[in-house]
C-alpha atoms as a PDB file:
ATOM      1  CA  UNK A   1       9.949 -36.963  37.923  1.00  0.00           C
ATOM      2  CA  UNK A   2       8.125 -34.977  35.255  1.00  0.00           C
ATOM      3  CA  UNK A   3       9.923 -32.930  32.689  1.00  0.00           C
ATOM      4  CA  UNK A   4       8.371 -30.068  30.754  1.00  0.00           C
ATOM      5  CA  UNK A   5       8.842 -30.316  27.022  1.00  0.00           C
ATOM      6  CA  UNK A   6       8.996 -27.106  25.017  1.00  0.00           C
ATOM      7  CA  UNK A   7       9.189 -26.674  21.269  1.00  0.00           C
ATOM      8  CA  UNK A   8      12.552 -25.650  19.916  1.00  0.00           C
ATOM      9  CA  UNK A   9      11.898 -22.780  17.518  1.00  0.00           C
ATOM     10  CA  UNK A  10      15.503 -21.654  17.257  1.00  0.00           C
ATOM     11  CA  UNK A  11      15.742 -23.185  13.782  1.00  0.00           C
ATOM     12  CA  UNK A  12      12.858 -21.098  12.407  1.00  0.00           C
ATOM     13  CA  UNK A  13      13.924 -18.537   9.849  1.00  0.00           C
ATOM     14  CA  UNK A  14      12.461 -15.121   9.171  1.00  0.00           C
ATOM     15  CA  UNK A  15      10.902 -16.520   5.994  1.00  0.00           C
ATOM     16  CA  UNK A  16       9.158 -19.219   8.071  1.00  0.00           C
ATOM     17  CA  UNK A  17       7.756 -16.593  10.405  1.00  0.00           C
ATOM     18  CA  UNK A  18       6.638 -14.418   7.486  1.00  0.00           C
ATOM     19  CA  UNK A  19       4.930 -17.394   5.870  1.00  0.00           C
ATOM     20  CA  UNK A  20       2.932 -17.920   9.066  1.00  0.00           C
ATOM     21  CA  UNK A  21       1.529 -14.387   8.965  1.00  0.00           C
ATOM     22  CA  UNK A  22      -1.898 -14.005   7.356  1.00  0.00           C
ATOM     23  CA  UNK A  23      -1.622 -12.201   4.025  1.00  0.00           C
ATOM     24  CA  UNK A  24      -2.724  -8.568   3.880  1.00  0.00           C
ATOM     25  CA  UNK A  25      -4.623  -7.955   0.668  1.00  0.00           C
ATOM     26  CA  UNK A  26      -5.906  -4.647  -0.638  1.00  0.00           C
ATOM     27  CA  UNK A  27      -9.084  -4.542  -2.730  1.00  0.00           C
ATOM     28  CA  UNK A  28      -9.515  -1.714  -5.223  1.00  0.00           C
ATOM     29  CA  UNK A  29     -12.914  -2.011  -6.836  1.00  0.00           C
ATOM     30  CA  UNK A  30     -14.251   0.097  -9.655  1.00  0.00           C
ATOM     31  CA  UNK A  31     -15.878   0.240 -13.038  1.00  0.00           C
ATOM     32  CA  UNK A  32     -12.462   0.531 -14.762  1.00  0.00           C
ATOM     33  CA  UNK A  33     -14.042   2.014 -17.875  1.00  0.00           C
ATOM     34  CA  UNK A  34     -11.218   2.311 -18.771  1.00  0.00           C
ATOM     35  CA  UNK A  35      -8.526   1.516 -16.180  1.00  0.00           C
ATOM     36  CA  UNK A  36      -5.890   4.244 -16.138  1.00  0.00           C
ATOM     37  CA  UNK A  37      -2.628   5.295 -14.520  1.00  0.00           C
ATOM     38  CA  UNK A  38      -4.487   6.894 -11.612  1.00  0.00           C
ATOM     39  CA  UNK A  39      -5.809   3.462 -10.597  1.00  0.00           C
ATOM     40  CA  UNK A  40      -2.329   1.933 -10.824  1.00  0.00           C
ATOM     41  CA  UNK A  41      -0.736   4.742  -8.826  1.00  0.00           C
ATOM     42  CA  UNK A  42      -3.323   4.403  -6.050  1.00  0.00           C
ATOM     43  CA  UNK A  43      -2.843   0.624  -5.892  1.00  0.00           C
ATOM     44  CA  UNK A  44       0.946   0.919  -5.836  1.00  0.00           C
ATOM     45  CA  UNK A  45       0.998   3.685  -3.201  1.00  0.00           C
ATOM     46  CA  UNK A  46      -1.249   1.725  -0.831  1.00  0.00           C
ATOM     47  CA  UNK A  47       0.652  -1.510  -1.477  1.00  0.00           C
ATOM     48  CA  UNK A  48       3.906   0.037  -0.266  1.00  0.00           C
ATOM     49  CA  UNK A  49       2.554   2.414   2.381  1.00  0.00           C
ATOM     50  CA  UNK A  50       0.789  -0.396   4.256  1.00  0.00           C
ATOM     51  CA  UNK A  51       3.233  -3.190   3.333  1.00  0.00           C
ATOM     52  CA  UNK A  52       0.524  -5.310   1.706  1.00  0.00           C
ATOM     53  CA  UNK A  53       1.168  -8.655   0.074  1.00  0.00           C
ATOM     54  CA  UNK A  54      -0.804  -7.601  -2.994  1.00  0.00           C
ATOM     55  CA  UNK A  55      -3.579  -5.342  -4.229  1.00  0.00           C
ATOM     56  CA  UNK A  56      -6.471  -6.805  -6.200  1.00  0.00           C
ATOM     57  CA  UNK A  57      -8.124  -4.636  -8.845  1.00  0.00           C
ATOM     58  CA  UNK A  58     -11.731  -5.824  -9.035  1.00  0.00           C
ATOM     59  CA  UNK A  59     -13.823  -4.681 -12.018  1.00  0.00           C
ATOM     60  CA  UNK A  60     -17.520  -4.432 -11.212  1.00  0.00           C
ATOM     61  CA  UNK A  61     -19.875  -6.721 -13.075  1.00  0.00           C
ATOM     62  CA  UNK A  62     -22.744  -4.254 -12.841  1.00  0.00           C
ATOM     63  CA  UNK A  63     -21.846  -0.969 -11.085  1.00  0.00           C
ATOM     64  CA  UNK A  64     -25.214  -0.297  -9.466  1.00  0.00           C
ATOM     65  CA  UNK A  65     -24.396   3.340  -8.683  1.00  0.00           C
ATOM     66  CA  UNK A  66     -23.791   4.114 -12.379  1.00  0.00           C
ATOM     67  CA  UNK A  67     -26.333   1.951 -14.201  1.00  0.00           C
ATOM     68  CA  UNK A  68     -28.738   4.119 -16.179  1.00  0.00           C
ATOM     69  CA  UNK A  69     -26.550   7.219 -15.923  1.00  0.00           C
ATOM     70  CA  UNK A  70     -24.317   6.462 -18.906  1.00  0.00           C
ATOM     71  CA  UNK A  71     -23.393   3.720 -21.332  1.00  0.00           C
ATOM     72  CA  UNK A  72     -21.126   1.191 -19.621  1.00  0.00           C
ATOM     73  CA  UNK A  73     -18.677  -1.021 -21.502  1.00  0.00           C
ATOM     74  CA  UNK A  74     -19.469  -4.758 -21.110  1.00  0.00           C
ATOM     75  CA  UNK A  75     -17.855  -6.271 -18.023  1.00  0.00           C
ATOM     76  CA  UNK A  76     -15.797  -8.797 -19.994  1.00  0.00           C
ATOM     77  CA  UNK A  77     -14.083  -6.020 -21.956  1.00  0.00           C
ATOM     78  CA  UNK A  78     -13.445  -3.934 -18.841  1.00  0.00           C
ATOM     79  CA  UNK A  79     -11.911  -7.026 -17.209  1.00  0.00           C
ATOM     80  CA  UNK A  80      -9.672  -7.585 -20.239  1.00  0.00           C
ATOM     81  CA  UNK A  81      -8.525  -3.958 -20.190  1.00  0.00           C
ATOM     82  CA  UNK A  82      -7.746  -4.198 -16.467  1.00  0.00           C
ATOM     83  CA  UNK A  83      -5.697  -7.364 -16.976  1.00  0.00           C
ATOM     84  CA  UNK A  84      -3.760  -5.572 -19.709  1.00  0.00           C
ATOM     85  CA  UNK A  85      -3.244  -2.500 -17.528  1.00  0.00           C
ATOM     86  CA  UNK A  86      -1.748  -4.589 -14.716  1.00  0.00           C
ATOM     87  CA  UNK A  87       0.235  -6.774 -17.091  1.00  0.00           C
ATOM     88  CA  UNK A  88      -1.106 -10.202 -16.163  1.00  0.00           C
ATOM     89  CA  UNK A  89      -2.554 -12.805 -18.492  1.00  0.00           C
ATOM     90  CA  UNK A  90      -5.355 -14.085 -16.282  1.00  0.00           C
ATOM     91  CA  UNK A  91      -7.412 -13.245 -13.213  1.00  0.00           C
ATOM     92  CA  UNK A  92      -5.627 -13.628  -9.852  1.00  0.00           C
ATOM     93  CA  UNK A  93      -2.225 -13.694 -11.535  1.00  0.00           C
ATOM     94  CA  UNK A  94       0.098 -11.382  -9.609  1.00  0.00           C
ATOM     95  CA  UNK A  95       2.392  -9.014 -11.473  1.00  0.00           C
ATOM     96  CA  UNK A  96       5.981  -8.423 -10.458  1.00  0.00           C
ATOM     97  CA  UNK A  97       4.789  -5.137  -8.942  1.00  0.00           C
ATOM     98  CA  UNK A  98       2.400  -6.819  -6.493  1.00  0.00           C
ATOM     99  CA  UNK A  99      -0.798  -5.997  -8.386  1.00  0.00           C
ATOM    100  CA  UNK A 100      -3.412  -8.509  -9.466  1.00  0.00           C
ATOM    101  CA  UNK A 101      -6.867  -8.610 -11.032  1.00  0.00           C
ATOM    102  CA  UNK A 102      -9.865 -10.574  -9.789  1.00  0.00           C
ATOM    103  CA  UNK A 103     -12.919 -11.496 -11.856  1.00  0.00           C
ATOM    104  CA  UNK A 104     -14.875 -12.401  -8.712  1.00  0.00           C
ATOM    105  CA  UNK A 105     -17.666  -9.889  -9.375  1.00  0.00           C
ATOM    106  CA  UNK A 106     -18.193 -11.256 -12.884  1.00  0.00           C
ATOM    107  CA  UNK A 107     -18.382 -14.748 -11.384  1.00  0.00           C
ATOM    108  CA  UNK A 108     -21.001 -13.610  -8.875  1.00  0.00           C
ATOM    109  CA  UNK A 109     -23.021 -11.776 -11.532  1.00  0.00           C
ATOM    110  CA  UNK A 110     -25.698  -9.102 -11.136  1.00  0.00           C
ATOM    111  CA  UNK A 111     -25.120  -5.807  -9.306  1.00  0.00           C
ATOM    112  CA  UNK A 112     -21.729  -5.608  -7.592  1.00  0.00           C
ATOM    113  CA  UNK A 113     -21.699  -4.958  -3.839  1.00  0.00           C
ATOM    114  CA  UNK A 114     -18.438  -4.752  -1.913  1.00  0.00           C
ATOM    115  CA  UNK A 115     -19.778  -6.675   1.095  1.00  0.00           C
ATOM    116  CA  UNK A 116     -20.803  -9.582  -1.145  1.00  0.00           C
ATOM    117  CA  UNK A 117     -17.477  -9.452  -2.984  1.00  0.00           C
ATOM    118  CA  UNK A 118     -15.470  -9.572   0.251  1.00  0.00           C
ATOM    119  CA  UNK A 119     -17.474 -12.529   1.516  1.00  0.00           C
ATOM    120  CA  UNK A 120     -16.660 -14.430  -1.675  1.00  0.00           C
ATOM    121  CA  UNK A 121     -12.987 -13.458  -1.516  1.00  0.00           C
ATOM    122  CA  UNK A 122     -12.808 -14.533   2.142  1.00  0.00           C
ATOM    123  CA  UNK A 123     -14.115 -17.962   1.174  1.00  0.00           C
ATOM    124  CA  UNK A 124     -11.205 -18.281  -1.247  1.00  0.00           C
ATOM    125  CA  UNK A 125      -8.638 -17.113   1.332  1.00  0.00           C
ATOM    126  CA  UNK A 126     -10.105 -17.359   4.857  1.00  0.00           C
ATOM    127  CA  UNK A 127      -6.820 -16.436   6.581  1.00  0.00           C
ATOM    128  CA  UNK A 128      -6.328 -13.143   4.759  1.00  0.00           C
ATOM    129  CA  UNK A 129      -6.724  -9.677   6.232  1.00  0.00           C
ATOM    130  CA  UNK A 130      -8.757  -7.541   3.828  1.00  0.00           C
ATOM    131  CA  UNK A 131      -8.420  -3.812   3.220  1.00  0.00           C
ATOM    132  CA  UNK A 132     -10.855  -1.952   0.956  1.00  0.00           C
ATOM    133  CA  UNK A 133      -9.320   1.027  -0.857  1.00  0.00           C
ATOM    134  CA  UNK A 134     -11.551   4.051  -1.483  1.00  0.00           C
ATOM    135  CA  UNK A 135     -11.141   7.720  -2.274  1.00  0.00           C
ATOM    136  CA  UNK A 136     -12.046  10.404   0.244  1.00  0.00           C
ATOM    137  CA  UNK A 137     -15.276  11.215  -1.625  1.00  0.00           C
ATOM    138  CA  UNK A 138     -16.365   7.593  -1.583  1.00  0.00           C
ATOM    139  CA  UNK A 139     -15.436   7.289   2.105  1.00  0.00           C
ATOM    140  CA  UNK A 140     -17.838  10.109   2.928  1.00  0.00           C
ATOM    141  CA  UNK A 141     -20.677   8.023   1.484  1.00  0.00           C
ATOM    142  CA  UNK A 142     -19.802   4.657   3.026  1.00  0.00           C
ATOM    143  CA  UNK A 143     -22.952   4.624   5.126  1.00  0.00           C
ATOM    144  CA  UNK A 144     -25.029   4.475   1.923  1.00  0.00           C
ATOM    145  CA  UNK A 145     -23.319   1.306   0.687  1.00  0.00           C
ATOM    146  CA  UNK A 146     -25.034  -2.070   0.639  1.00  0.00           C
ATOM    147  CA  UNK A 147     -24.913  -4.019   3.945  1.00  0.00           C
ATOM    148  CA  UNK A 148     -22.582  -1.592   5.723  1.00  0.00           C
ATOM    149  CA  UNK A 149     -22.646  -3.468   9.043  1.00  0.00           C
ATOM    150  CA  UNK A 150     -21.341  -6.586   7.361  1.00  0.00           C
ATOM    151  CA  UNK A 151     -18.713  -4.567   5.531  1.00  0.00           C
ATOM    152  CA  UNK A 152     -17.521  -2.965   8.777  1.00  0.00           C
ATOM    153  CA  UNK A 153     -16.904  -6.424  10.201  1.00  0.00           C
ATOM    154  CA  UNK A 154     -15.139  -7.726   7.108  1.00  0.00           C
ATOM    155  CA  UNK A 155     -12.442  -5.200   6.355  1.00  0.00           C
ATOM    156  CA  UNK A 156     -10.413  -2.146   7.174  1.00  0.00           C
ATOM    157  CA  UNK A 157     -11.159   0.857   4.975  1.00  0.00           C
ATOM    158  CA  UNK A 158      -8.119   2.499   3.380  1.00  0.00           C
ATOM    159  CA  UNK A 159      -8.874   6.092   2.428  1.00  0.00           C
ATOM    160  CA  UNK A 160      -6.592   7.635  -0.191  1.00  0.00           C
ATOM    161  CA  UNK A 161      -6.379  11.411  -0.241  1.00  0.00           C
ATOM    162  CA  UNK A 162      -4.060  14.112  -1.548  1.00  0.00           C
ATOM    163  CA  UNK A 163      -1.520  15.548   0.914  1.00  0.00           C
ATOM    164  CA  UNK A 164      -2.853  18.302   3.155  1.00  0.00           C
ATOM    165  CA  UNK A 165      -6.481  17.855   2.108  1.00  0.00           C
ATOM    166  CA  UNK A 166      -9.111  18.139   4.809  1.00  0.00           C
ATOM    167  CA  UNK A 167     -10.584  14.740   5.642  1.00  0.00           C
ATOM    168  CA  UNK A 168     -13.133  13.681   8.228  1.00  0.00           C
ATOM    169  CA  UNK A 169     -12.817   9.950   9.005  1.00  0.00           C
ATOM    170  CA  UNK A 170     -15.987   7.882   8.641  1.00  0.00           C
ATOM    171  CA  UNK A 171     -17.494   7.125  12.043  1.00  0.00           C
ATOM    172  CA  UNK A 172     -17.875   3.515  13.121  1.00  0.00           C
ATOM    173  CA  UNK A 173     -15.318   2.180  10.656  1.00  0.00           C
ATOM    174  CA  UNK A 174     -11.822   0.749  11.073  1.00  0.00           C
ATOM    175  CA  UNK A 175      -9.717   2.813   8.690  1.00  0.00           C
ATOM    176  CA  UNK A 176      -6.259   3.887   7.559  1.00  0.00           C
ATOM    177  CA  UNK A 177      -5.309   7.014   5.622  1.00  0.00           C
ATOM    178  CA  UNK A 178      -2.759   6.954   2.793  1.00  0.00           C
ATOM    179  CA  UNK A 179      -1.735  10.228   1.214  1.00  0.00           C
ATOM    180  CA  UNK A 180      -1.050   9.995  -2.507  1.00  0.00           C
ATOM    181  CA  UNK A 181       0.096  12.484  -5.140  1.00  0.00           C
ATOM    182  CA  UNK A 182      -2.689  14.626  -6.552  1.00  0.00           C
ATOM    183  CA  UNK A 183      -3.804  12.862  -9.743  1.00  0.00           C
ATOM    184  CA  UNK A 184      -6.047  14.572 -12.284  1.00  0.00           C
ATOM    185  CA  UNK A 185      -6.827  11.495 -14.371  1.00  0.00           C
ATOM    186  CA  UNK A 186     -10.320  10.061 -14.597  1.00  0.00           C
ATOM    187  CA  UNK A 187     -12.162   7.538 -16.707  1.00  0.00           C
ATOM    188  CA  UNK A 188     -14.712  10.161 -17.740  1.00  0.00           C
ATOM    189  CA  UNK A 189     -11.956  12.480 -18.992  1.00  0.00           C
ATOM    190  CA  UNK A 190     -10.380   9.659 -20.999  1.00  0.00           C
ATOM    191  CA  UNK A 191     -13.733   8.678 -22.535  1.00  0.00           C
ATOM    192  CA  UNK A 192     -14.377  12.311 -23.450  1.00  0.00           C
ATOM    193  CA  UNK A 193     -10.950  12.734 -25.011  1.00  0.00           C
ATOM    194  CA  UNK A 194     -11.368   9.562 -27.063  1.00  0.00           C
ATOM    195  CA  UNK A 195     -14.781  10.739 -28.284  1.00  0.00           C
ATOM    196  CA  UNK A 196     -13.173  14.032 -29.354  1.00  0.00           C
ATOM    197  CA  UNK A 197     -10.321  12.297 -31.132  1.00  0.00           C
ATOM    198  CA  UNK A 198      -7.738  13.615 -28.648  1.00  0.00           C
ATOM    199  CA  UNK A 199      -4.693  11.700 -27.447  1.00  0.00           C
ATOM    200  CA  UNK A 200      -4.872   9.680 -24.229  1.00  0.00           C
ATOM    201  CA  UNK A 201      -1.250   8.552 -24.351  1.00  0.00           C
ATOM    202  CA  UNK A 202       0.394   8.482 -20.893  1.00  0.00           C
ATOM    203  CA  UNK A 203      -3.051   8.653 -19.244  1.00  0.00           C
ATOM    204  CA  UNK A 204      -3.623   4.914 -19.525  1.00  0.00           C
ATOM    205  CA  UNK A 205      -1.212   2.079 -20.398  1.00  0.00           C
ATOM    206  CA  UNK A 206      -0.583   1.437 -24.095  1.00  0.00           C
ATOM    207  CA  UNK A 207      -2.223  -2.038 -24.060  1.00  0.00           C
ATOM    208  CA  UNK A 208      -5.447  -0.400 -22.818  1.00  0.00           C
ATOM    209  CA  UNK A 209      -5.281   2.152 -25.634  1.00  0.00           C
ATOM    210  CA  UNK A 210      -4.914  -0.731 -28.095  1.00  0.00           C
ATOM    211  CA  UNK A 211      -8.118  -2.294 -26.752  1.00  0.00           C
ATOM    212  CA  UNK A 212      -9.950   1.037 -26.989  1.00  0.00           C
ATOM    213  CA  UNK A 213      -8.912   1.366 -30.637  1.00  0.00           C
ATOM    214  CA  UNK A 214      -9.522  -2.280 -31.570  1.00  0.00           C
ATOM    215  CA  UNK A 215     -12.984  -2.303 -29.974  1.00  0.00           C
ATOM    216  CA  UNK A 216     -13.850   1.221 -31.105  1.00  0.00           C
ATOM    217  CA  UNK A 217     -14.820   2.216 -27.565  1.00  0.00           C
ATOM    218  CA  UNK A 218     -16.099   5.625 -26.434  1.00  0.00           C
ATOM    219  CA  UNK A 219     -16.558   6.936 -29.965  1.00  0.00           C
ATOM    220  CA  UNK A 220     -20.266   7.628 -29.514  1.00  0.00           C
END
């Protein structure tokens, strides 16, 4: 007589089941020149709205869309400011708030392309589910990005937009929409205020302000 043998999973706990789930990781790329509270708010809102395991802030090595348009702070300093903004001592360290910083684009070198970045991140964590966080304006131009077909296959696009704003979803992309508070903070405004000698307190974390002062950034 043959007996069927089945696995007894009654002893598995919720934590065991959660551990078996692939991690969901958000990727918020940018120049971060400088990182500011708007970046942190976006990362935190998406983290909780979509129940992500963490959100990676990824400073661009060479932001190809901005090169030649203005002076850009060296990548190593922008990385250091981003680490300070998140409150972690090194790349890929995760803060208590679920935010982390990756230096992957500095490791790759050259112009920074999201499709290339995601491929490198996926090599480091093949089981992860990747979500790329962009603003509504950036989402409208997704079809102009480098290697869009590859990017469509790699990740879900998370579009952040202010409540009630009109938004047309990008065609051909897997996407989610997260509404966030309207935030009127930008890197360009902070750079301008610093150049004018105005205060940027409460626009960017204090450790970032200390870097700006110590390195004499944005004065010219």
